[in-house]
C-alpha atoms as a PDB file:
ATOM      1  CA  PRO A   1      57.122  67.467  36.907  1.00  0.00           C
ATOM      2  CA  PRO A   2      54.164  69.215  35.242  1.00  0.00           C
ATOM      3  CA  PRO A   3      51.921  70.817  36.386  1.00  0.00           C
ATOM      4  CA  TYR A   4      54.106  71.840  39.346  1.00  0.00           C
ATOM      5  CA  THR A   5      56.143  75.046  39.233  1.00  0.00           C
ATOM      6  CA  GLY A   6      59.795  75.252  40.190  1.00  0.00           C
ATOM      7  CA  VAL A   7      62.891  73.300  39.280  1.00  0.00           C
ATOM      8  CA  TRP A   8      62.684  69.557  39.871  1.00  0.00           C
ATOM      9  CA  MET A   9      65.076  66.617  40.061  1.00  0.00           C
ATOM     10  CA  GLY A  10      62.755  63.668  39.581  1.00  0.00           C
ATOM     11  CA  ASP A  11      60.087  63.913  42.307  1.00  0.00           C
ATOM     12  CA  SER A  12      62.129  66.319  44.437  1.00  0.00           C
ATOM     13  CA  LYS A  13      61.953  70.098  44.222  1.00  0.00           C
ATOM     14  CA  LEU A  14      65.303  71.861  43.906  1.00  0.00           C
ATOM     15  CA  CYS A  15      64.061  75.426  43.457  1.00  0.00           C
ATOM     16  CA  ALA A  16      60.785  77.102  44.365  1.00  0.00           C
ATOM     17  CA  ILE A  17      59.499  79.894  42.152  1.00  0.00           C
ATOM     18  CA  GLY A  18      56.636  82.126  43.156  1.00  0.00           C
ATOM     19  CA  VAL A  19      54.574  85.140  42.215  1.00  0.00           C
ATOM     20  CA  HIS A  20      52.092  86.928  44.475  1.00  0.00           C
ATOM     21  CA  CYS A  21      49.691  89.670  43.439  1.00  0.00           C
ATOM     22  CA  GLY A  22      47.664  91.642  45.934  1.00  0.00           C
ATOM     23  CA  ASN A  23      46.700  95.193  46.886  1.00  0.00           C
ATOM     24  CA  HIS A  24      48.084  96.493  43.572  1.00  0.00           C
ATOM     25  CA  ILE A  25      51.534  95.074  44.400  1.00  0.00           C
ATOM     26  CA  THR A  26      53.285  92.203  42.645  1.00  0.00           C
ATOM     27  CA  SER A  27      56.014  90.233  44.418  1.00  0.00           C
ATOM     28  CA  HIS A  28      58.104  87.482  42.889  1.00  0.00           C
ATOM     29  CA  GLY A  29      61.117  85.408  43.757  1.00  0.00           C
ATOM     30  CA  LEU A  30      62.839  82.089  43.902  1.00  0.00           C
ATOM     31  CA  ALA A  31      64.545  79.907  46.459  1.00  0.00           C
ATOM     32  CA  LEU A  32      67.337  77.678  45.150  1.00  0.00           C
ATOM     33  CA  ASN A  33      68.362  75.036  47.674  1.00  0.00           C
ATOM     34  CA  CYS A  34      72.157  75.055  47.698  1.00  0.00           C
ATOM     35  CA  CYS A  35      73.254  73.587  51.041  1.00  0.00           C
ATOM     36  CA  THR A  36      69.921  73.699  52.845  1.00  0.00           C
ATOM     37  CA  ASP A  37      69.348  71.556  55.954  1.00  0.00           C
ATOM     38  CA  LEU A  38      66.733  69.309  54.376  1.00  0.00           C
ATOM     39  CA  THR A  39      65.734  67.639  57.664  1.00  0.00           C
ATOM     40  CA  TRP A  40      63.348  70.542  58.374  1.00  0.00           C
ATOM     41  CA  PHE A  41      61.225  69.444  55.416  1.00  0.00           C
ATOM     42  CA  GLN A  42      60.428  66.173  57.223  1.00  0.00           C
ATOM     43  CA  HIS A  43      58.101  68.159  59.514  1.00  0.00           C
ATOM     44  CA  ILE A  44      55.958  69.786  56.797  1.00  0.00           C
ATOM     45  CA  VAL A  45      54.351  69.056  53.450  1.00  0.00           C
ATOM     46  CA  PRO A  46      56.645  71.180  51.245  1.00  0.00           C
ATOM     47  CA  CYS A  47      54.681  73.504  48.946  1.00  0.00           C
ATOM     48  CA  GLY A  48      51.558  71.563  49.931  1.00  0.00           C
ATOM     49  CA  LEU A  49      52.527  68.701  47.611  1.00  0.00           C
ATOM     50  CA  GLU A  50      51.892  65.313  49.212  1.00  0.00           C
ATOM     51  CA  GLY A  51      54.342  62.616  48.180  1.00  0.00           C
ATOM     52  CA  LYS A  52      56.928  64.996  46.703  1.00  0.00           C
ATOM     53  CA  GLY A  53      60.365  65.623  48.188  1.00  0.00           C
ATOM     54  CA  VAL A  54      62.867  68.426  48.420  1.00  0.00           C
ATOM     55  CA  THR A  55      66.507  68.274  47.396  1.00  0.00           C
ATOM     56  CA  SER A  56      69.526  70.553  47.155  1.00  0.00           C
ATOM     57  CA  LEU A  57      72.455  71.122  44.831  1.00  0.00           C
ATOM     58  CA  SER A  58      74.749  69.734  47.541  1.00  0.00           C
ATOM     59  CA  ARG A  59      72.773  66.495  47.778  1.00  0.00           C
ATOM     60  CA  GLU A  60      72.448  66.061  44.026  1.00  0.00           C
ATOM     61  CA  LEU A  61      76.124  66.791  43.299  1.00  0.00           C
ATOM     62  CA  GLY A  62      77.484  64.943  46.330  1.00  0.00           C
ATOM     63  CA  ARG A  63      79.577  67.893  47.517  1.00  0.00           C
ATOM     64  CA  HIS A  64      79.047  71.092  49.499  1.00  0.00           C
ATOM     65  CA  ILE A  65      77.633  73.838  47.246  1.00  0.00           C
ATOM     66  CA  THR A  66      77.091  77.273  48.800  1.00  0.00           C
ATOM     67  CA  VAL A  67      75.185  80.316  47.583  1.00  0.00           C
ATOM     68  CA  HIS A  68      78.596  81.908  46.961  1.00  0.00           C
ATOM     69  CA  HIS A  69      79.376  79.096  44.477  1.00  0.00           C
ATOM     70  CA  VAL A  70      76.251  79.680  42.393  1.00  0.00           C
ATOM     71  CA  LEU A  71      75.547  83.413  42.680  1.00  0.00           C
ATOM     72  CA  GLN A  72      77.721  84.742  39.841  1.00  0.00           C
ATOM     73  CA  PRO A  73      76.886  81.920  37.360  1.00  0.00           C
ATOM     74  CA  PHE A  74      73.188  82.347  38.192  1.00  0.00           C
ATOM     75  CA  LEU A  75      73.274  86.119  37.640  1.00  0.00           C
ATOM     76  CA  HIS A  76      75.169  85.676  34.372  1.00  0.00           C
ATOM     77  CA  SER A  77      72.626  83.120  33.108  1.00  0.00           C
ATOM     78  CA  PHE A  78      69.731  85.329  34.220  1.00  0.00           C
ATOM     79  CA  GLN A  79      71.082  88.200  32.121  1.00  0.00           C
ATOM     80  CA  GLU A  80      71.497  85.938  29.091  1.00  0.00           C
ATOM     81  CA  VAL A  81      68.050  84.343  29.329  1.00  0.00           C
ATOM     82  CA  PHE A  82      66.183  87.602  29.942  1.00  0.00           C
ATOM     83  CA  ASP A  83      68.418  89.684  27.651  1.00  0.00           C
ATOM     84  CA  CYS A  84      68.988  92.317  30.310  1.00  0.00           C
ATOM     85  CA  THR A  85      71.712  93.994  32.315  1.00  0.00           C
ATOM     86  CA  LEU A  86      71.580  93.760  36.093  1.00  0.00           C
ATOM     87  CA  VAL A  87      72.591  96.893  38.006  1.00  0.00           C
ATOM     88  CA  PHE A  88      73.702  96.696  41.633  1.00  0.00           C
ATOM     89  CA  THR A  89      73.955  99.366  44.283  1.00  0.00           C
ATOM     90  CA  GLU A  90      76.111  97.004  46.360  1.00  0.00           C
ATOM     91  CA  ASP A  91      78.360  94.050  45.536  1.00  0.00           C
ATOM     92  CA  PRO A  92      76.005  91.004  45.342  1.00  0.00           C
ATOM     93  CA  GLY A  93      78.580  88.530  46.475  1.00  0.00           C
END
């Protein structure tokens, strides 16, 4: 939910997205929770957001979803959205 970054399912974060700039270097990335052990999040305040939860594709879909399941569809969608071609030096999956 605005103004929070990431991908949300209601009040639970499904995917974290981040950018860091420092020392003339920019880093960026994302973390999509596929089949993450969500019990670890009970011990912290995820992303520093009080009262918000964390979820995963497996929890939301009610079946086991691995990174292998989502990698190729994600890469395909990334190329479409950003109108680019991804080049790999190794097989990504």
